[in-house]
Protein backbone atom coordinates (compact mmCIF):
# COMPACT_ATOMS: atom_id res chain seq x y z
CA GLY A 1 -10.95 -6.35 -32.43
CA ASP A 2 -12.18 -6.83 -28.96
CA VAL A 3 -10.93 -7.29 -25.44
CA THR A 4 -10.13 -10.96 -25.98
CA SER A 5 -8.18 -10.50 -29.14
CA ASP A 6 -6.46 -7.11 -28.99
CA GLU A 7 -2.99 -6.86 -27.60
CA ILE A 8 -2.85 -4.70 -24.52
CA ASN A 9 0.26 -2.57 -23.93
CA PHE A 10 0.78 -1.67 -20.21
CA THR A 11 3.85 0.46 -20.60
CA VAL A 12 3.31 3.37 -18.22
CA THR A 13 5.89 5.80 -16.96
CA ASP A 14 5.65 8.20 -14.01
CA SER A 15 7.96 9.73 -11.47
CA LEU A 16 7.89 10.98 -8.02
CA THR A 17 10.70 13.25 -7.03
CA VAL A 18 11.49 13.08 -3.29
CA SER A 19 13.76 15.83 -2.00
CA SER A 20 14.05 18.54 0.56
CA THR A 21 12.47 21.05 -1.79
CA GLY A 22 10.06 18.74 -3.61
CA LYS A 23 7.71 15.93 -2.47
CA LYS A 24 8.54 14.57 1.00
CA ILE A 25 8.29 11.20 2.72
CA ILE A 26 5.93 12.00 5.55
CA SER A 27 5.82 8.59 7.19
CA ASN A 28 7.66 5.34 6.82
CA GLY A 29 8.51 2.17 8.73
CA ARG A 30 7.89 -1.52 9.17
CA ILE A 31 5.23 -3.09 11.27
CA ALA A 32 4.38 -6.68 12.30
CA THR A 33 0.81 -7.61 11.32
CA SER A 34 -1.56 -9.83 13.17
CA ASN A 35 -4.83 -11.76 12.61
CA SER A 36 -6.94 -8.78 13.74
CA ALA A 37 -7.32 -5.63 11.58
CA THR A 38 -4.91 -2.95 12.87
CA THR A 39 -4.76 0.68 11.62
CA PHE A 40 -1.30 1.58 10.42
CA LEU A 41 -2.18 4.76 8.60
CA ALA A 42 -4.97 6.78 10.20
CA ALA A 43 -6.91 8.95 7.73
CA ALA A 44 -7.10 11.80 10.24
CA ASP A 45 -3.27 12.14 10.00
CA TYR A 46 -3.04 12.49 6.24
CA GLY A 47 -4.51 14.21 3.20
CA LYS A 48 -3.97 13.11 -0.46
CA SER A 49 -0.83 10.94 -0.50
CA TYR A 50 0.96 8.23 -2.32
CA VAL A 51 1.46 4.98 -0.50
CA TYR A 52 4.12 2.30 -0.95
CA LEU A 53 3.53 -1.13 0.71
CA ARG A 54 5.65 -4.22 0.66
CA ASN A 55 5.10 -7.62 2.26
CA ILE A 56 8.54 -8.62 3.20
CA ASP A 57 7.50 -12.13 4.43
CA THR A 58 8.40 -15.07 2.27
CA SER A 59 5.23 -17.11 2.67
CA ILE A 60 2.31 -15.39 4.40
CA ASP A 61 -0.13 -12.96 2.72
CA ILE A 62 -1.22 -9.52 4.17
CA THR A 63 -4.63 -8.16 3.46
CA ILE A 64 -5.03 -4.32 3.36
CA THR A 65 -8.39 -2.64 4.06
CA ALA A 66 -9.53 0.91 3.64
CA GLY A 67 -12.10 1.47 6.34
CA THR A 68 -13.93 -1.87 6.36
CA GLN A 69 -13.37 -2.71 2.69
CA ALA A 70 -10.61 -5.05 1.69
CA ILE A 71 -8.72 -3.32 -1.19
CA MET A 72 -5.87 -5.77 -1.78
CA THR A 73 -3.87 -8.79 -0.68
CA LEU A 74 -0.22 -8.68 -0.84
CA SER A 75 1.20 -12.09 -1.33
CA ALA A 76 4.59 -12.97 -0.03
CA GLU A 77 7.25 -10.47 -1.26
CA GLU A 78 4.63 -8.43 -3.29
CA PHE A 79 4.47 -4.68 -3.28
CA ALA A 80 2.03 -1.91 -4.16
CA PHE A 81 2.28 1.76 -4.91
CA PHE A 82 -0.99 3.78 -5.15
CA PRO A 83 -2.60 7.08 -4.62
CA TRP A 84 -4.56 7.48 -1.37
CA ASP A 85 -7.05 10.20 -0.69
CA GLY A 86 -6.72 9.79 3.03
CA SER A 87 -10.55 9.40 3.53
CA ALA A 88 -10.39 6.02 5.22
CA ASP A 89 -7.96 4.45 7.72
CA LEU A 90 -5.57 1.83 6.08
CA LYS A 91 -5.50 -1.40 8.10
CA ASP A 92 -3.54 -4.64 7.84
CA THR A 93 -4.41 -8.22 8.69
CA SER A 94 -2.67 -11.51 8.22
CA ALA A 95 -4.23 -14.99 8.25
CA ASN A 96 -1.55 -16.30 10.75
CA SER A 97 1.76 -15.43 12.45
CA THR A 98 3.17 -11.87 12.21
CA PRO A 99 4.47 -11.08 8.76
CA VAL A 100 6.14 -7.60 8.42
CA LEU A 101 4.65 -4.88 6.22
CA GLU A 102 6.99 -2.22 5.05
CA TYR A 103 5.31 1.23 4.20
CA ALA A 104 6.06 4.77 3.11
CA VAL A 105 3.78 7.66 2.65
CA PHE A 106 4.66 10.44 0.29
CA GLU A 107 2.95 13.90 0.18
CA ALA A 108 0.88 14.54 -2.91
């Protein structure tokens, strides 16, 4: 078999327990994006963390950059959950208007 003929199984399970004695939400909120890159999570304020992002707009994409490198585009109503090493600022940009980005940061 090879990559074009083998079935790929993406069943992955993980958990993150958030409680007063376990992992904690260290930042969360909603922000309106714009057509210029705006830092919404400054690397200087965080160490290794887990980040949840959700584009709550129904039609406008939001691009996320780490430093100056685009790392993802969240289409309308998409979300992402990923580990972040806190080495580069996370910034948001939209092509037009002011779609809202929902975010949460959990301690690692």
